[in-house]
Amino acid sequence: MSEKRALVTGVGPGTGLAVVRRLVAGGYDVAMVARSADRLKEFEAEIPGTHAYVADVSEPIQFDAALDRILSEFGAPEVVVHNAIGGVFGNFMQIDPAALQQNFQTNVMAFLQLARRVAPFMLDSGKGAIIASGNTSALRGKSNFAGFAPTKAAQRILAESMARELGPKGVHVAYVLIDAVIDLEWTRKAWPDAADDFFIQPSDIAEEIWHVVHQPKSAWSFNVEIRPFKEVW
């Protein structure tokens, strides 16, 4: 096992897997967390240096048990990327309030739970990086995003609070805001007439996360926004 260890939540076929691949290419062993056991096992078999840990991050007891296993079996990570995401769309009159609460659990509370478990190890070593993959909704609340935007805005503010606490102690916290439609099978079906350059590529997101994780201490970023060159903003 490599001396460099990372942990990524929300490892699916898009951004999560791309981040895992980039970290492995850079010499990290990676603990992957997601709900789908079958998919994680496929990734683990395909990519050397990866380790599958099945958990629903929105379930605190289940997630905590997975973190226990990671810390005891895999070791404390020096890089953590919280990519797990929960969302439901509709205006504030249409959404089920319970769905908003569930999304808050995934996007905010799981991020808090994760950071609280890994930060002490990073503080002991005087280094580390905690990254949240964000979304445009962290900055604005459109009508049909009432079940999603409040959670991403809270996630960004939580990350900022963590950054102000941990940064002076040598631990880099950053929020990588993705202002784009990610190129995935389902998004291609949702935007069938869109040109290739309409989408943002998961591998390019991963490259930027890699860059942020490895910034020199004299020039750390917190708010990082990425978007395709044609995106209106």
C-alpha atoms as a PDB file:
ATOM      1  CA  MET A   1       0.000   0.000   0.000  1.00  0.00           C
ATOM      2  CA  SER A   2       1.180   3.491  -0.839  1.00  0.00           C
ATOM      3  CA  GLU A   3       2.122   5.865   1.955  1.00  0.00           C
ATOM      4  CA  LYS A   4      -0.229   8.376   0.333  1.00  0.00           C
ATOM      5  CA  ARG A   5      -3.877   7.708   1.132  1.00  0.00           C
ATOM      6  CA  ALA A   6      -7.068   9.394  -0.038  1.00  0.00           C
ATOM      7  CA  LEU A   7     -10.782   8.941   0.585  1.00  0.00           C
ATOM      8  CA  VAL A   8     -13.526   9.790  -1.911  1.00  0.00           C
ATOM      9  CA  THR A   9     -17.266   9.608  -1.236  1.00  0.00           C
ATOM     10  CA  GLY A  10     -19.948   9.347  -3.893  1.00  0.00           C
ATOM     11  CA  VAL A  11     -17.877   7.178  -6.223  1.00  0.00           C
ATOM     12  CA  GLY A  12     -20.045   6.592  -9.260  1.00  0.00           C
ATOM     13  CA  PRO A  13     -19.265   6.485 -12.977  1.00  0.00           C
ATOM     14  CA  GLY A  14     -18.836  10.263 -13.263  1.00  0.00           C
ATOM     15  CA  THR A  15     -16.900  12.731 -11.144  1.00  0.00           C
ATOM     16  CA  GLY A  16     -16.266  10.386  -8.241  1.00  0.00           C
ATOM     17  CA  LEU A  17     -14.593   7.728 -10.359  1.00  0.00           C
ATOM     18  CA  ALA A  18     -12.614  10.334 -12.296  1.00  0.00           C
ATOM     19  CA  VAL A  19     -11.254  11.746  -9.032  1.00  0.00           C
ATOM     20  CA  VAL A  20     -10.322   8.249  -7.893  1.00  0.00           C
ATOM     21  CA  ARG A  21      -8.477   7.575 -11.157  1.00  0.00           C
ATOM     22  CA  ARG A  22      -6.563  10.851 -10.942  1.00  0.00           C
ATOM     23  CA  LEU A  23      -5.502  10.238  -7.361  1.00  0.00           C
ATOM     24  CA  VAL A  24      -4.372   6.702  -8.158  1.00  0.00           C
ATOM     25  CA  ALA A  25      -2.413   8.003 -11.157  1.00  0.00           C
ATOM     26  CA  GLY A  26      -0.723  10.424  -8.764  1.00  0.00           C
ATOM     27  CA  GLY A  27       0.430   7.662  -6.443  1.00  0.00           C
ATOM     28  CA  TYR A  28      -2.388   7.474  -3.894  1.00  0.00           C
ATOM     29  CA  ASP A  29      -4.210   4.458  -2.564  1.00  0.00           C
ATOM     30  CA  VAL A  30      -7.890   5.414  -2.447  1.00  0.00           C
ATOM     31  CA  ALA A  31     -10.725   4.338  -0.174  1.00  0.00           C
ATOM     32  CA  MET A  32     -13.948   4.585  -2.192  1.00  0.00           C
ATOM     33  CA  VAL A  33     -17.323   5.094  -0.487  1.00  0.00           C
ATOM     34  CA  ALA A  34     -20.674   4.655  -2.216  1.00  0.00           C
ATOM     35  CA  ARG A  35     -23.987   2.844  -1.806  1.00  0.00           C
ATOM     36  CA  SER A  36     -23.612   0.392  -4.679  1.00  0.00           C
ATOM     37  CA  ALA A  37     -21.579  -2.640  -3.611  1.00  0.00           C
ATOM     38  CA  ASP A  38     -21.552  -4.180  -7.082  1.00  0.00           C
ATOM     39  CA  ARG A  39     -20.269  -1.037  -8.756  1.00  0.00           C
ATOM     40  CA  LEU A  40     -17.611  -0.425  -6.124  1.00  0.00           C
ATOM     41  CA  LYS A  41     -16.371  -3.994  -6.440  1.00  0.00           C
ATOM     42  CA  GLU A  42     -16.069  -3.509 -10.210  1.00  0.00           C
ATOM     43  CA  PHE A  43     -14.029  -0.345  -9.704  1.00  0.00           C
ATOM     44  CA  GLU A  44     -11.867  -2.055  -7.078  1.00  0.00           C
ATOM     45  CA  ALA A  45     -11.143  -4.969  -9.423  1.00  0.00           C
ATOM     46  CA  GLU A  46     -10.352  -2.645 -12.312  1.00  0.00           C
ATOM     47  CA  ILE A  47      -8.181  -0.023 -10.594  1.00  0.00           C
ATOM     48  CA  PRO A  48      -5.151  -1.135  -8.558  1.00  0.00           C
ATOM     49  CA  GLY A  49      -4.755   0.682  -5.263  1.00  0.00           C
ATOM     50  CA  THR A  50      -8.468   1.182  -4.645  1.00  0.00           C
ATOM     51  CA  HIS A  51     -10.459  -0.159  -1.723  1.00  0.00           C
ATOM     52  CA  ALA A  52     -14.260  -0.427  -1.617  1.00  0.00           C
ATOM     53  CA  TYR A  53     -16.313   0.585   1.430  1.00  0.00           C
ATOM     54  CA  VAL A  54     -20.052   0.375   0.986  1.00  0.00           C
ATOM     55  CA  ALA A  55     -22.116   2.917   2.904  1.00  0.00           C
ATOM     56  CA  ASP A  56     -24.981   5.352   2.515  1.00  0.00           C
ATOM     57  CA  VAL A  57     -23.470   8.584   3.797  1.00  0.00           C
ATOM     58  CA  SER A  58     -26.923   9.926   4.636  1.00  0.00           C
ATOM     59  CA  GLU A  59     -27.201   7.241   7.346  1.00  0.00           C
ATOM     60  CA  PRO A  60     -24.940   8.457  10.175  1.00  0.00           C
ATOM     61  CA  ILE A  61     -24.554   5.132  11.970  1.00  0.00           C
ATOM     62  CA  GLN A  62     -23.825   3.278   8.740  1.00  0.00           C
ATOM     63  CA  PHE A  63     -21.383   5.942   7.559  1.00  0.00           C
ATOM     64  CA  ASP A  64     -19.623   6.028  10.909  1.00  0.00           C
ATOM     65  CA  ALA A  65     -19.146   2.264  10.802  1.00  0.00           C
ATOM     66  CA  ALA A  66     -17.613   2.567   7.336  1.00  0.00           C
ATOM     67  CA  LEU A  67     -15.272   5.290   8.574  1.00  0.00           C
ATOM     68  CA  ASP A  68     -14.276   3.038  11.472  1.00  0.00           C
ATOM     69  CA  ARG A  69     -13.334   0.320   8.991  1.00  0.00           C
ATOM     70  CA  ILE A  70     -11.436   2.742   6.769  1.00  0.00           C
ATOM     71  CA  LEU A  71      -9.390   4.163   9.620  1.00  0.00           C
ATOM     72  CA  SER A  72      -8.561   0.741  11.055  1.00  0.00           C
ATOM     73  CA  GLU A  73      -8.011  -1.228   7.833  1.00  0.00           C
ATOM     74  CA  PHE A  74      -6.895   1.397   5.342  1.00  0.00           C
ATOM     75  CA  GLY A  75      -5.455   4.124   7.544  1.00  0.00           C
ATOM     76  CA  ALA A  76      -6.019   7.842   7.929  1.00  0.00           C
ATOM     77  CA  PRO A  77      -6.274   9.664   4.587  1.00  0.00           C
ATOM     78  CA  GLU A  78      -4.354  12.837   3.889  1.00  0.00           C
ATOM     79  CA  VAL A  79      -6.742  13.811   1.077  1.00  0.00           C
ATOM     80  CA  VAL A  80     -10.538  13.654   1.387  1.00  0.00           C
ATOM     81  CA  VAL A  81     -13.028  14.529  -1.355  1.00  0.00           C
ATOM     82  CA  HIS A  82     -16.703  14.632  -0.410  1.00  0.00           C
ATOM     83  CA  ASN A  83     -18.412  14.055  -3.730  1.00  0.00           C
ATOM     84  CA  ALA A  84     -21.585  12.339  -2.487  1.00  0.00           C
ATOM     85  CA  ILE A  85     -24.631  14.370  -3.458  1.00  0.00           C
ATOM     86  CA  GLY A  86     -28.346  14.375  -2.791  1.00  0.00           C
ATOM     87  CA  GLY A  87     -30.859  16.455  -4.719  1.00  0.00           C
ATOM     88  CA  VAL A  88     -34.524  16.771  -5.553  1.00  0.00           C
ATOM     89  CA  PHE A  89     -36.034  19.347  -7.868  1.00  0.00           C
ATOM     90  CA  GLY A  90     -39.195  21.407  -7.625  1.00  0.00           C
ATOM     91  CA  ASN A  91     -40.273  24.691  -6.089  1.00  0.00           C
ATOM     92  CA  PHE A  92     -40.807  25.110  -2.367  1.00  0.00           C
ATOM     93  CA  MET A  93     -44.518  24.241  -2.647  1.00  0.00           C
ATOM     94  CA  GLN A  94     -43.876  21.075  -4.651  1.00  0.00           C
ATOM     95  CA  ILE A  95     -41.030  19.374  -2.861  1.00  0.00           C
ATOM     96  CA  ASP A  96     -41.477  16.936  -0.016  1.00  0.00           C
ATOM     97  CA  PRO A  97     -39.877  18.596   3.022  1.00  0.00           C
ATOM     98  CA  ALA A  98     -38.535  15.183   4.038  1.00  0.00           C
ATOM     99  CA  ALA A  99     -36.562  15.068   0.782  1.00  0.00           C
ATOM    100  CA  LEU A 100     -34.889  18.376   1.611  1.00  0.00           C
ATOM    101  CA  GLN A 101     -33.963  16.988   5.014  1.00  0.00           C
ATOM    102  CA  GLN A 102     -32.526  13.860   3.381  1.00  0.00           C
ATOM    103  CA  ASN A 103     -30.458  15.936   0.972  1.00  0.00           C
ATOM    104  CA  PHE A 104     -29.211  18.062   3.857  1.00  0.00           C
ATOM    105  CA  GLN A 105     -28.044  14.874   5.535  1.00  0.00           C
ATOM    106  CA  THR A 106     -26.037  13.829   2.480  1.00  0.00           C
ATOM    107  CA  ASN A 107     -24.631  17.180   1.446  1.00  0.00           C
ATOM    108  CA  VAL A 108     -24.018  18.842   4.803  1.00  0.00           C
ATOM    109  CA  MET A 109     -24.203  16.499   7.773  1.00  0.00           C
ATOM    110  CA  ALA A 110     -22.200  13.720   6.119  1.00  0.00           C
ATOM    111  CA  PHE A 111     -19.564  16.287   5.150  1.00  0.00           C
ATOM    112  CA  LEU A 112     -19.420  17.433   8.772  1.00  0.00           C
ATOM    113  CA  GLN A 113     -19.275  13.851  10.035  1.00  0.00           C
ATOM    114  CA  LEU A 114     -16.486  12.987   7.619  1.00  0.00           C
ATOM    115  CA  ALA A 115     -14.411  16.061   8.416  1.00  0.00           C
ATOM    116  CA  ARG A 116     -14.716  15.501  12.155  1.00  0.00           C
ATOM    117  CA  ARG A 117     -13.329  11.988  11.772  1.00  0.00           C
ATOM    118  CA  VAL A 118     -10.362  12.784   9.519  1.00  0.00           C
ATOM    119  CA  ALA A 119      -9.316  16.271  10.664  1.00  0.00           C
ATOM    120  CA  PRO A 120      -7.640  15.149  13.925  1.00  0.00           C
ATOM    121  CA  PHE A 121      -5.218  12.947  11.970  1.00  0.00           C
ATOM    122  CA  MET A 122      -4.449  15.766   9.566  1.00  0.00           C
ATOM    123  CA  LEU A 123      -3.868  18.177  12.430  1.00  0.00           C
ATOM    124  CA  ASP A 124      -1.487  15.720  14.067  1.00  0.00           C
ATOM    125  CA  SER A 125       0.578  15.535  10.876  1.00  0.00           C
ATOM    126  CA  GLY A 126       0.245  19.246  10.106  1.00  0.00           C
ATOM    127  CA  LYS A 127      -0.995  18.619   6.571  1.00  0.00           C
ATOM    128  CA  GLY A 128      -3.938  17.399   4.555  1.00  0.00           C
ATOM    129  CA  ALA A 129      -6.720  18.491   2.241  1.00  0.00           C
ATOM    130  CA  ILE A 130     -10.497  18.326   2.557  1.00  0.00           C
ATOM    131  CA  ILE A 131     -12.413  19.135  -0.620  1.00  0.00           C
ATOM    132  CA  ALA A 132     -16.152  19.363  -1.269  1.00  0.00           C
ATOM    133  CA  SER A 133     -17.373  19.150  -4.852  1.00  0.00           C
ATOM    134  CA  GLY A 134     -19.939  21.919  -5.127  1.00  0.00           C
ATOM    135  CA  ASN A 135     -22.548  23.224  -7.499  1.00  0.00           C
ATOM    136  CA  THR A 136     -23.846  26.532  -8.828  1.00  0.00           C
ATOM    137  CA  SER A 137     -26.761  26.176  -6.421  1.00  0.00           C
ATOM    138  CA  ALA A 138     -24.345  26.966  -3.601  1.00  0.00           C
ATOM    139  CA  LEU A 139     -24.506  30.599  -4.779  1.00  0.00           C
ATOM    140  CA  ARG A 140     -28.107  31.048  -5.887  1.00  0.00           C
ATOM    141  CA  GLY A 141     -31.543  29.615  -5.210  1.00  0.00           C
ATOM    142  CA  LYS A 142     -33.553  29.255  -8.394  1.00  0.00           C
ATOM    143  CA  SER A 143     -37.247  28.450  -8.217  1.00  0.00           C
ATOM    144  CA  ASN A 144     -37.097  24.732  -8.951  1.00  0.00           C
ATOM    145  CA  PHE A 145     -34.005  24.129  -6.838  1.00  0.00           C
ATOM    146  CA  ALA A 146     -35.687  24.539  -3.437  1.00  0.00           C
ATOM    147  CA  GLY A 147     -34.899  20.941  -2.520  1.00  0.00           C
ATOM    148  CA  PHE A 148     -31.233  21.240  -3.440  1.00  0.00           C
ATOM    149  CA  ALA A 149     -29.817  24.777  -3.342  1.00  0.00           C
ATOM    150  CA  PRO A 150     -30.280  25.310   0.431  1.00  0.00           C
ATOM    151  CA  THR A 151     -28.156  22.247   1.139  1.00  0.00           C
ATOM    152  CA  LYS A 152     -25.350  23.197  -1.242  1.00  0.00           C
ATOM    153  CA  ALA A 153     -25.258  26.743   0.121  1.00  0.00           C
ATOM    154  CA  ALA A 154     -25.003  25.346   3.645  1.00  0.00           C
ATOM    155  CA  GLN A 155     -22.294  22.960   2.499  1.00  0.00           C
ATOM    156  CA  ARG A 156     -20.220  25.828   1.108  1.00  0.00           C
ATOM    157  CA  ILE A 157     -20.580  27.878   4.287  1.00  0.00           C
ATOM    158  CA  LEU A 158     -19.654  24.866   6.406  1.00  0.00           C
ATOM    159  CA  ALA A 159     -16.567  24.340   4.250  1.00  0.00           C
ATOM    160  CA  GLU A 160     -15.624  27.999   4.688  1.00  0.00           C
ATOM    161  CA  SER A 161     -15.952  27.728   8.450  1.00  0.00           C
ATOM    162  CA  MET A 162     -13.769  24.619   8.377  1.00  0.00           C
ATOM    163  CA  ALA A 163     -11.222  26.357   6.153  1.00  0.00           C
ATOM    164  CA  ARG A 164     -10.898  29.285   8.536  1.00  0.00           C
ATOM    165  CA  GLU A 165     -10.345  26.896  11.428  1.00  0.00           C
ATOM    166  CA  LEU A 166      -8.054  24.360   9.786  1.00  0.00           C
ATOM    167  CA  GLY A 167      -6.144  26.470   7.276  1.00  0.00           C
ATOM    168  CA  PRO A 168      -3.880  28.242   9.786  1.00  0.00           C
ATOM    169  CA  LYS A 169      -3.054  24.797  11.192  1.00  0.00           C
ATOM    170  CA  GLY A 170      -1.820  23.445   7.866  1.00  0.00           C
ATOM    171  CA  VAL A 171      -4.937  21.680   6.580  1.00  0.00           C
ATOM    172  CA  HIS A 172      -6.322  22.924   3.273  1.00  0.00           C
ATOM    173  CA  VAL A 173     -10.120  23.044   2.898  1.00  0.00           C
ATOM    174  CA  ALA A 174     -11.588  24.091  -0.449  1.00  0.00           C
ATOM    175  CA  TYR A 175     -14.922  24.226  -2.247  1.00  0.00           C
ATOM    176  CA  VAL A 176     -14.761  23.311  -5.943  1.00  0.00           C
ATOM    177  CA  LEU A 177     -17.912  24.693  -7.520  1.00  0.00           C
ATOM    178  CA  ILE A 178     -18.947  23.000 -10.770  1.00  0.00           C
ATOM    179  CA  ASP A 179     -21.011  25.456 -12.826  1.00  0.00           C
ATOM    180  CA  ALA A 180     -21.893  23.086 -15.631  1.00  0.00           C
ATOM    181  CA  VAL A 181     -23.719  19.987 -16.782  1.00  0.00           C
ATOM    182  CA  ILE A 182     -21.407  17.036 -16.214  1.00  0.00           C
ATOM    183  CA  ASP A 183     -20.945  14.689 -19.156  1.00  0.00           C
ATOM    184  CA  LEU A 184     -22.738  11.502 -18.075  1.00  0.00           C
ATOM    185  CA  GLU A 185     -24.949   8.969 -19.784  1.00  0.00           C
ATOM    186  CA  TRP A 186     -28.134  10.390 -18.278  1.00  0.00           C
ATOM    187  CA  THR A 187     -27.197  14.027 -18.970  1.00  0.00           C
ATOM    188  CA  ARG A 188     -26.517  13.175 -22.632  1.00  0.00           C
ATOM    189  CA  LYS A 189     -30.057  11.782 -22.808  1.00  0.00           C
ATOM    190  CA  ALA A 190     -31.467  14.844 -21.035  1.00  0.00           C
ATOM    191  CA  TRP A 191     -29.705  17.221 -23.471  1.00  0.00           C
ATOM    192  CA  PRO A 192     -29.674  15.136 -26.674  1.00  0.00           C
ATOM    193  CA  ASP A 193     -29.038  18.095 -28.980  1.00  0.00           C
ATOM    194  CA  ALA A 194     -26.203  19.608 -26.978  1.00  0.00           C
ATOM    195  CA  ALA A 195     -22.742  19.826 -28.522  1.00  0.00           C
ATOM    196  CA  ASP A 196     -19.798  18.152 -26.851  1.00  0.00           C
ATOM    197  CA  ASP A 197     -18.421  21.441 -25.576  1.00  0.00           C
ATOM    198  CA  PHE A 198     -21.670  22.114 -23.701  1.00  0.00           C
ATOM    199  CA  PHE A 199     -20.668  19.554 -21.078  1.00  0.00           C
ATOM    200  CA  ILE A 200     -17.890  19.547 -18.526  1.00  0.00           C
ATOM    201  CA  GLN A 201     -15.764  16.411 -18.524  1.00  0.00           C
ATOM    202  CA  PRO A 202     -15.398  14.442 -15.251  1.00  0.00           C
ATOM    203  CA  SER A 203     -11.697  13.967 -15.954  1.00  0.00           C
ATOM    204  CA  ASP A 204     -11.238  17.743 -16.198  1.00  0.00           C
ATOM    205  CA  ILE A 205     -13.056  18.235 -12.897  1.00  0.00           C
ATOM    206  CA  ALA A 206     -10.741  15.650 -11.369  1.00  0.00           C
ATOM    207  CA  GLU A 207      -7.690  17.438 -12.757  1.00  0.00           C
ATOM    208  CA  GLU A 208      -8.762  20.682 -11.120  1.00  0.00           C
ATOM    209  CA  ILE A 209      -9.414  18.942  -7.799  1.00  0.00           C
ATOM    210  CA  TRP A 210      -5.931  17.425  -8.063  1.00  0.00           C
ATOM    211  CA  HIS A 211      -4.515  20.900  -8.657  1.00  0.00           C
ATOM    212  CA  VAL A 212      -6.326  22.377  -5.659  1.00  0.00           C
ATOM    213  CA  VAL A 213      -5.234  19.531  -3.389  1.00  0.00           C
ATOM    214  CA  HIS A 214      -1.603  20.107  -4.339  1.00  0.00           C
ATOM    215  CA  GLN A 215      -1.447  23.893  -4.265  1.00  0.00           C
ATOM    216  CA  PRO A 216       1.551  25.327  -2.398  1.00  0.00           C
ATOM    217  CA  LYS A 217       0.744  26.714   1.039  1.00  0.00           C
ATOM    218  CA  SER A 218       1.629  30.237  -0.056  1.00  0.00           C
ATOM    219  CA  ALA A 219      -1.230  30.242  -2.585  1.00  0.00           C
ATOM    220  CA  TRP A 220      -4.197  28.221  -1.341  1.00  0.00           C
ATOM    221  CA  SER A 221      -7.630  28.659  -2.912  1.00  0.00           C
ATOM    222  CA  PHE A 222     -10.947  28.256  -1.152  1.00  0.00           C
ATOM    223  CA  ASN A 223     -13.705  29.133  -3.627  1.00  0.00           C
ATOM    224  CA  VAL A 224     -12.822  27.507  -6.936  1.00  0.00           C
ATOM    225  CA  GLU A 225     -15.304  27.818  -9.834  1.00  0.00           C
ATOM    226  CA  ILE A 226     -15.003  25.772 -13.011  1.00  0.00           C
ATOM    227  CA  ARG A 227     -17.218  25.883 -16.100  1.00  0.00           C
ATOM    228  CA  PRO A 228     -17.039  25.193 -19.849  1.00  0.00           C
ATOM    229  CA  PHE A 229     -15.882  28.163 -21.883  1.00  0.00           C
ATOM    230  CA  LYS A 230     -19.330  28.621 -23.431  1.00  0.00           C
ATOM    231  CA  GLU A 231     -21.230  28.508 -20.139  1.00  0.00           C
ATOM    232  CA  VAL A 232     -23.235  31.692 -19.465  1.00  0.00           C
ATOM    233  CA  TRP A 233     -22.615  33.013 -15.955  1.00  0.00           C
END
